[in-house]
């Protein structure tokens, strides 16, 4: 019997719900016990599903983790991309947008997962490949966000500023994981200072040339 479009839609929605349920369980296991301790058995228990049921949706634990990483990175990239959608495209607007979204950017579950991914990438070539691709995509996204406020600078200097922001954001992620006060006012002030400095209209070419000459 041929399924109707409505039946196919309901089936697809059930699959998405189950996949979300499994990803959420995997995230909780990684957060509480670490990447390696998050076995299929533990994920199944956290999802209130049988191991056999989980295998209907994901081939193995690695497939679950890859799906979780891809989902989180997609959500994070959307968030970062939206920061550059201000009509004014000014440094003030961009910095204000970033500071206002700081709690979401420093979501503890996401940052904790990403730290686990970085550690696992040193041991697992598949995870490493995904981490490298995600980092490249993240770099390109940041560049697209800040380029409109850095008109007149050559690509090399824009790239330098992108790297400065990436280093700052990696540090923010670590702080968000280690400290529970990551969204407090003093951090927001520090973040605003760093971002205004990096996005300053003052050319840093001379500094860059000196660094490259070393």
C-alpha atoms as a PDB file:
ATOM      1  CA  UNK A   1       0.000   0.000   0.000  1.00  0.00           C
ATOM      2  CA  UNK A   2       1.385   3.365  -1.031  1.00  0.00           C
ATOM      3  CA  UNK A   3       1.799   5.784   1.835  1.00  0.00           C
ATOM      4  CA  UNK A   4       0.194   9.187   1.574  1.00  0.00           C
ATOM      5  CA  UNK A   5       2.238  12.386   1.781  1.00  0.00           C
ATOM      6  CA  UNK A   6       0.753  13.022   5.239  1.00  0.00           C
ATOM      7  CA  UNK A   7       1.804   9.560   6.452  1.00  0.00           C
ATOM      8  CA  UNK A   8       5.327  10.044   5.118  1.00  0.00           C
ATOM      9  CA  UNK A   9       5.502  13.445   6.818  1.00  0.00           C
ATOM     10  CA  UNK A  10       4.411  11.928  10.148  1.00  0.00           C
ATOM     11  CA  UNK A  11       6.986   9.161   9.804  1.00  0.00           C
ATOM     12  CA  UNK A  12       9.756  11.652   9.044  1.00  0.00           C
ATOM     13  CA  UNK A  13       8.744  13.762  12.031  1.00  0.00           C
ATOM     14  CA  UNK A  14       8.870  10.704  14.326  1.00  0.00           C
ATOM     15  CA  UNK A  15      12.357   9.909  13.033  1.00  0.00           C
ATOM     16  CA  UNK A  16      13.517  13.471  13.727  1.00  0.00           C
ATOM     17  CA  UNK A  17      12.062  13.343  17.221  1.00  0.00           C
ATOM     18  CA  UNK A  18      13.835  10.067  17.978  1.00  0.00           C
ATOM     19  CA  UNK A  19      17.121  11.353  16.596  1.00  0.00           C
ATOM     20  CA  UNK A  20      16.805  14.476  18.744  1.00  0.00           C
ATOM     21  CA  UNK A  21      16.026  12.298  21.767  1.00  0.00           C
ATOM     22  CA  UNK A  22      19.171  10.244  21.144  1.00  0.00           C
ATOM     23  CA  UNK A  23      21.373  13.299  20.535  1.00  0.00           C
ATOM     24  CA  UNK A  24      20.143  14.939  23.727  1.00  0.00           C
ATOM     25  CA  UNK A  25      20.881  11.773  25.677  1.00  0.00           C
ATOM     26  CA  UNK A  26      24.366  11.568  24.152  1.00  0.00           C
ATOM     27  CA  UNK A  27      25.003  15.203  25.041  1.00  0.00           C
ATOM     28  CA  UNK A  28      24.035  14.571  28.672  1.00  0.00           C
ATOM     29  CA  UNK A  29      26.276  11.521  28.853  1.00  0.00           C
ATOM     30  CA  UNK A  30      29.268  13.376  27.395  1.00  0.00           C
ATOM     31  CA  UNK A  31      28.698  16.311  29.723  1.00  0.00           C
ATOM     32  CA  UNK A  32      28.420  14.127  32.831  1.00  0.00           C
ATOM     33  CA  UNK A  33      30.890  11.325  32.053  1.00  0.00           C
ATOM     34  CA  UNK A  34      33.091  12.310  29.125  1.00  0.00           C
ATOM     35  CA  UNK A  35      33.326  11.174  25.513  1.00  0.00           C
ATOM     36  CA  UNK A  36      34.635   7.651  26.090  1.00  0.00           C
ATOM     37  CA  UNK A  37      32.323   6.829  28.992  1.00  0.00           C
ATOM     38  CA  UNK A  38      29.309   7.751  26.857  1.00  0.00           C
ATOM     39  CA  UNK A  39      28.705   4.225  25.576  1.00  0.00           C
ATOM     40  CA  UNK A  40      25.700   3.069  23.582  1.00  0.00           C
ATOM     41  CA  UNK A  41      24.364   1.411  26.732  1.00  0.00           C
ATOM     42  CA  UNK A  42      24.583   4.635  28.724  1.00  0.00           C
ATOM     43  CA  UNK A  43      23.096   6.679  25.889  1.00  0.00           C
ATOM     44  CA  UNK A  44      20.229   4.187  25.568  1.00  0.00           C
ATOM     45  CA  UNK A  45      19.528   4.403  29.294  1.00  0.00           C
ATOM     46  CA  UNK A  46      19.574   8.214  29.220  1.00  0.00           C
ATOM     47  CA  UNK A  47      17.227   8.224  26.221  1.00  0.00           C
ATOM     48  CA  UNK A  48      14.912   5.652  27.835  1.00  0.00           C
ATOM     49  CA  UNK A  49      15.302   3.475  24.747  1.00  0.00           C
ATOM     50  CA  UNK A  50      16.705   0.048  24.039  1.00  0.00           C
ATOM     51  CA  UNK A  51      20.068  -0.359  22.313  1.00  0.00           C
ATOM     52  CA  UNK A  52      18.299  -2.104  19.434  1.00  0.00           C
ATOM     53  CA  UNK A  53      15.958   0.843  19.025  1.00  0.00           C
ATOM     54  CA  UNK A  54      18.884   3.261  18.874  1.00  0.00           C
ATOM     55  CA  UNK A  55      20.542   1.188  16.143  1.00  0.00           C
ATOM     56  CA  UNK A  56      17.493   1.831  13.964  1.00  0.00           C
ATOM     57  CA  UNK A  57      18.526   5.484  13.800  1.00  0.00           C
ATOM     58  CA  UNK A  58      22.309   5.434  14.163  1.00  0.00           C
ATOM     59  CA  UNK A  59      24.805   2.783  13.104  1.00  0.00           C
ATOM     60  CA  UNK A  60      27.030   3.182  16.156  1.00  0.00           C
ATOM     61  CA  UNK A  61      28.172   5.568  18.881  1.00  0.00           C
ATOM     62  CA  UNK A  62      30.490   7.401  16.496  1.00  0.00           C
ATOM     63  CA  UNK A  63      27.572   8.154  14.171  1.00  0.00           C
ATOM     64  CA  UNK A  64      25.612   9.574  17.107  1.00  0.00           C
ATOM     65  CA  UNK A  65      28.496  11.787  18.148  1.00  0.00           C
ATOM     66  CA  UNK A  66      29.075  13.017  14.599  1.00  0.00           C
ATOM     67  CA  UNK A  67      25.378  13.873  14.282  1.00  0.00           C
ATOM     68  CA  UNK A  68      25.509  15.693  17.630  1.00  0.00           C
ATOM     69  CA  UNK A  69      28.603  17.693  16.640  1.00  0.00           C
ATOM     70  CA  UNK A  70      27.120  18.588  13.244  1.00  0.00           C
ATOM     71  CA  UNK A  71      23.844  19.708  14.829  1.00  0.00           C
ATOM     72  CA  UNK A  72      25.516  21.855  17.474  1.00  0.00           C
ATOM     73  CA  UNK A  73      27.921  23.455  15.011  1.00  0.00           C
ATOM     74  CA  UNK A  74      25.063  24.251  12.629  1.00  0.00           C
ATOM     75  CA  UNK A  75      23.106  25.949  15.429  1.00  0.00           C
ATOM     76  CA  UNK A  76      26.194  27.850  16.562  1.00  0.00           C
ATOM     77  CA  UNK A  77      27.049  29.035  13.050  1.00  0.00           C
ATOM     78  CA  UNK A  78      23.505  30.326  12.587  1.00  0.00           C
ATOM     79  CA  UNK A  79      23.827  32.271  15.817  1.00  0.00           C
ATOM     80  CA  UNK A  80      27.157  33.794  14.791  1.00  0.00           C
ATOM     81  CA  UNK A  81      25.901  34.593  11.277  1.00  0.00           C
ATOM     82  CA  UNK A  82      22.963  36.518  12.709  1.00  0.00           C
ATOM     83  CA  UNK A  83      25.346  38.848  14.540  1.00  0.00           C
ATOM     84  CA  UNK A  84      26.317  40.446  11.256  1.00  0.00           C
ATOM     85  CA  UNK A  85      22.775  41.148  10.072  1.00  0.00           C
ATOM     86  CA  UNK A  86      22.472  44.577  11.665  1.00  0.00           C
ATOM     87  CA  UNK A  87      21.286  47.204   9.186  1.00  0.00           C
ATOM     88  CA  UNK A  88      24.026  49.629  10.162  1.00  0.00           C
ATOM     89  CA  UNK A  89      26.853  47.098   9.858  1.00  0.00           C
ATOM     90  CA  UNK A  90      28.889  49.282  12.231  1.00  0.00           C
ATOM     91  CA  UNK A  91      31.429  48.191  14.834  1.00  0.00           C
ATOM     92  CA  UNK A  92      29.097  49.438  17.578  1.00  0.00           C
ATOM     93  CA  UNK A  93      26.176  47.398  16.256  1.00  0.00           C
ATOM     94  CA  UNK A  94      28.298  44.280  15.795  1.00  0.00           C
ATOM     95  CA  UNK A  95      29.857  44.462  19.260  1.00  0.00           C
ATOM     96  CA  UNK A  96      26.503  45.188  20.894  1.00  0.00           C
ATOM     97  CA  UNK A  97      24.970  42.193  19.122  1.00  0.00           C
ATOM     98  CA  UNK A  98      27.769  39.909  20.266  1.00  0.00           C
ATOM     99  CA  UNK A  99      27.602  41.060  23.888  1.00  0.00           C
ATOM    100  CA  UNK A 100      23.804  40.698  23.962  1.00  0.00           C
ATOM    101  CA  UNK A 101      24.096  37.126  22.679  1.00  0.00           C
ATOM    102  CA  UNK A 102      26.958  36.202  25.024  1.00  0.00           C
ATOM    103  CA  UNK A 103      24.890  33.823  27.230  1.00  0.00           C
ATOM    104  CA  UNK A 104      23.723  31.898  24.141  1.00  0.00           C
ATOM    105  CA  UNK A 105      27.204  31.874  22.589  1.00  0.00           C
ATOM    106  CA  UNK A 106      28.683  30.527  25.834  1.00  0.00           C
ATOM    107  CA  UNK A 107      26.035  27.851  26.334  1.00  0.00           C
ATOM    108  CA  UNK A 108      27.654  25.470  28.801  1.00  0.00           C
ATOM    109  CA  UNK A 109      26.428  22.270  27.125  1.00  0.00           C
ATOM    110  CA  UNK A 110      27.803  23.314  23.743  1.00  0.00           C
ATOM    111  CA  UNK A 111      31.155  24.497  25.053  1.00  0.00           C
ATOM    112  CA  UNK A 112      31.592  21.374  27.200  1.00  0.00           C
ATOM    113  CA  UNK A 113      30.874  19.167  24.193  1.00  0.00           C
ATOM    114  CA  UNK A 114      33.319  21.089  22.033  1.00  0.00           C
ATOM    115  CA  UNK A 115      36.116  20.677  24.572  1.00  0.00           C
ATOM    116  CA  UNK A 116      35.449  16.930  24.574  1.00  0.00           C
ATOM    117  CA  UNK A 117      35.544  16.950  20.780  1.00  0.00           C
ATOM    118  CA  UNK A 118      38.909  18.711  20.760  1.00  0.00           C
ATOM    119  CA  UNK A 119      40.338  16.104  23.120  1.00  0.00           C
ATOM    120  CA  UNK A 120      38.871  13.212  21.123  1.00  0.00           C
ATOM    121  CA  UNK A 121      40.210  14.691  17.858  1.00  0.00           C
ATOM    122  CA  UNK A 122      43.733  13.971  19.090  1.00  0.00           C
ATOM    123  CA  UNK A 123      42.883  10.239  19.150  1.00  0.00           C
ATOM    124  CA  UNK A 124      40.161   9.722  16.557  1.00  0.00           C
ATOM    125  CA  UNK A 125      40.955  10.645  12.913  1.00  0.00           C
ATOM    126  CA  UNK A 126      37.265  10.797  11.957  1.00  0.00           C
ATOM    127  CA  UNK A 127      36.493  13.239  14.769  1.00  0.00           C
ATOM    128  CA  UNK A 128      39.643  15.184  13.902  1.00  0.00           C
ATOM    129  CA  UNK A 129      38.531  15.546  10.297  1.00  0.00           C
ATOM    130  CA  UNK A 130      35.161  16.852  11.444  1.00  0.00           C
ATOM    131  CA  UNK A 131      36.777  19.250  13.926  1.00  0.00           C
ATOM    132  CA  UNK A 132      39.070  20.640  11.209  1.00  0.00           C
ATOM    133  CA  UNK A 133      36.135  21.159   8.839  1.00  0.00           C
ATOM    134  CA  UNK A 134      34.108  22.825  11.587  1.00  0.00           C
ATOM    135  CA  UNK A 135      37.002  25.140  12.449  1.00  0.00           C
ATOM    136  CA  UNK A 136      37.389  26.121   8.786  1.00  0.00           C
ATOM    137  CA  UNK A 137      33.661  26.801   8.474  1.00  0.00           C
ATOM    138  CA  UNK A 138      33.741  28.798  11.703  1.00  0.00           C
ATOM    139  CA  UNK A 139      36.659  30.875  10.410  1.00  0.00           C
ATOM    140  CA  UNK A 140      34.828  31.626   7.156  1.00  0.00           C
ATOM    141  CA  UNK A 141      31.677  32.581   9.071  1.00  0.00           C
ATOM    142  CA  UNK A 142      33.554  34.986  11.325  1.00  0.00           C
ATOM    143  CA  UNK A 143      35.225  36.542   8.278  1.00  0.00           C
ATOM    144  CA  UNK A 144      31.863  37.158   6.601  1.00  0.00           C
ATOM    145  CA  UNK A 145      30.529  38.768   9.772  1.00  0.00           C
ATOM    146  CA  UNK A 146      33.391  41.224  10.297  1.00  0.00           C
ATOM    147  CA  UNK A 147      34.398  42.055   6.708  1.00  0.00           C
ATOM    148  CA  UNK A 148      31.640  44.687   6.285  1.00  0.00           C
ATOM    149  CA  UNK A 149      33.086  46.745   9.159  1.00  0.00           C
ATOM    150  CA  UNK A 150      36.678  46.407   7.952  1.00  0.00           C
ATOM    151  CA  UNK A 151      36.353  48.024   4.554  1.00  0.00           C
ATOM    152  CA  UNK A 152      39.639  49.209   3.131  1.00  0.00           C
ATOM    153  CA  UNK A 153      41.755  46.512   4.763  1.00  0.00           C
ATOM    154  CA  UNK A 154      43.497  43.890   2.663  1.00  0.00           C
ATOM    155  CA  UNK A 155      42.637  40.211   3.091  1.00  0.00           C
ATOM    156  CA  UNK A 156      45.804  39.471   5.050  1.00  0.00           C
ATOM    157  CA  UNK A 157      44.934  41.976   7.736  1.00  0.00           C
ATOM    158  CA  UNK A 158      41.313  40.831   7.865  1.00  0.00           C
ATOM    159  CA  UNK A 159      42.574  37.253   8.286  1.00  0.00           C
ATOM    160  CA  UNK A 160      44.799  38.361  11.150  1.00  0.00           C
ATOM    161  CA  UNK A 161      41.836  39.911  12.942  1.00  0.00           C
ATOM    162  CA  UNK A 162      39.745  36.828  12.298  1.00  0.00           C
ATOM    163  CA  UNK A 163      42.414  34.722  14.015  1.00  0.00           C
ATOM    164  CA  UNK A 164      42.473  37.127  16.962  1.00  0.00           C
ATOM    165  CA  UNK A 165      38.715  36.770  17.372  1.00  0.00           C
ATOM    166  CA  UNK A 166      38.906  32.985  17.063  1.00  0.00           C
ATOM    167  CA  UNK A 167      41.541  32.808  19.800  1.00  0.00           C
ATOM    168  CA  UNK A 168      39.389  35.045  22.011  1.00  0.00           C
ATOM    169  CA  UNK A 169      36.295  32.929  21.429  1.00  0.00           C
ATOM    170  CA  UNK A 170      38.146  29.693  22.188  1.00  0.00           C
ATOM    171  CA  UNK A 171      39.215  31.259  25.467  1.00  0.00           C
ATOM    172  CA  UNK A 172      35.645  32.317  26.178  1.00  0.00           C
ATOM    173  CA  UNK A 173      34.469  28.760  25.581  1.00  0.00           C
ATOM    174  CA  UNK A 174      36.989  27.416  28.063  1.00  0.00           C
ATOM    175  CA  UNK A 175      35.955  29.967  30.677  1.00  0.00           C
ATOM    176  CA  UNK A 176      32.281  29.144  30.149  1.00  0.00           C
ATOM    177  CA  UNK A 177      33.018  25.480  30.812  1.00  0.00           C
ATOM    178  CA  UNK A 178      35.181  26.027  33.879  1.00  0.00           C
ATOM    179  CA  UNK A 179      33.403  28.988  35.477  1.00  0.00           C
ATOM    180  CA  UNK A 180      29.697  29.367  36.173  1.00  0.00           C
ATOM    181  CA  UNK A 181      29.875  33.184  36.021  1.00  0.00           C
ATOM    182  CA  UNK A 182      30.690  33.302  32.307  1.00  0.00           C
ATOM    183  CA  UNK A 183      27.756  35.592  31.568  1.00  0.00           C
ATOM    184  CA  UNK A 184      28.472  38.203  34.217  1.00  0.00           C
ATOM    185  CA  UNK A 185      28.965  41.914  33.644  1.00  0.00           C
ATOM    186  CA  UNK A 186      32.740  41.971  34.024  1.00  0.00           C
ATOM    187  CA  UNK A 187      33.163  39.358  31.294  1.00  0.00           C
ATOM    188  CA  UNK A 188      30.835  41.285  28.988  1.00  0.00           C
ATOM    189  CA  UNK A 189      32.951  44.385  29.545  1.00  0.00           C
ATOM    190  CA  UNK A 190      36.156  42.475  28.770  1.00  0.00           C
ATOM    191  CA  UNK A 191      34.612  40.949  25.654  1.00  0.00           C
ATOM    192  CA  UNK A 192      33.473  44.364  24.447  1.00  0.00           C
ATOM    193  CA  UNK A 193      36.976  45.767  24.950  1.00  0.00           C
ATOM    194  CA  UNK A 194      38.634  42.922  23.029  1.00  0.00           C
ATOM    195  CA  UNK A 195      36.177  43.051  20.139  1.00  0.00           C
ATOM    196  CA  UNK A 196      36.353  46.826  19.789  1.00  0.00           C
ATOM    197  CA  UNK A 197      40.130  46.581  19.746  1.00  0.00           C
ATOM    198  CA  UNK A 198      40.195  43.843  17.118  1.00  0.00           C
ATOM    199  CA  UNK A 199      37.623  45.640  14.951  1.00  0.00           C
ATOM    200  CA  UNK A 200      39.288  49.028  15.332  1.00  0.00           C
ATOM    201  CA  UNK A 201      39.643  51.122  12.188  1.00  0.00           C
ATOM    202  CA  UNK A 202      43.284  51.709  13.093  1.00  0.00           C
ATOM    203  CA  UNK A 203      45.501  49.692  10.804  1.00  0.00           C
ATOM    204  CA  UNK A 204      47.530  46.966  12.439  1.00  0.00           C
ATOM    205  CA  UNK A 205      49.534  46.267   9.313  1.00  0.00           C
ATOM    206  CA  UNK A 206      52.771  47.553  10.832  1.00  0.00           C
ATOM    207  CA  UNK A 207      52.340  45.230  13.818  1.00  0.00           C
ATOM    208  CA  UNK A 208      51.556  42.351  11.473  1.00  0.00           C
ATOM    209  CA  UNK A 209      54.648  43.030   9.382  1.00  0.00           C
ATOM    210  CA  UNK A 210      56.862  43.022  12.469  1.00  0.00           C
ATOM    211  CA  UNK A 211      55.383  39.714  13.624  1.00  0.00           C
ATOM    212  CA  UNK A 212      55.854  38.090  10.216  1.00  0.00           C
ATOM    213  CA  UNK A 213      59.443  39.323  10.101  1.00  0.00           C
ATOM    214  CA  UNK A 214      60.373  37.536  13.337  1.00  0.00           C
END
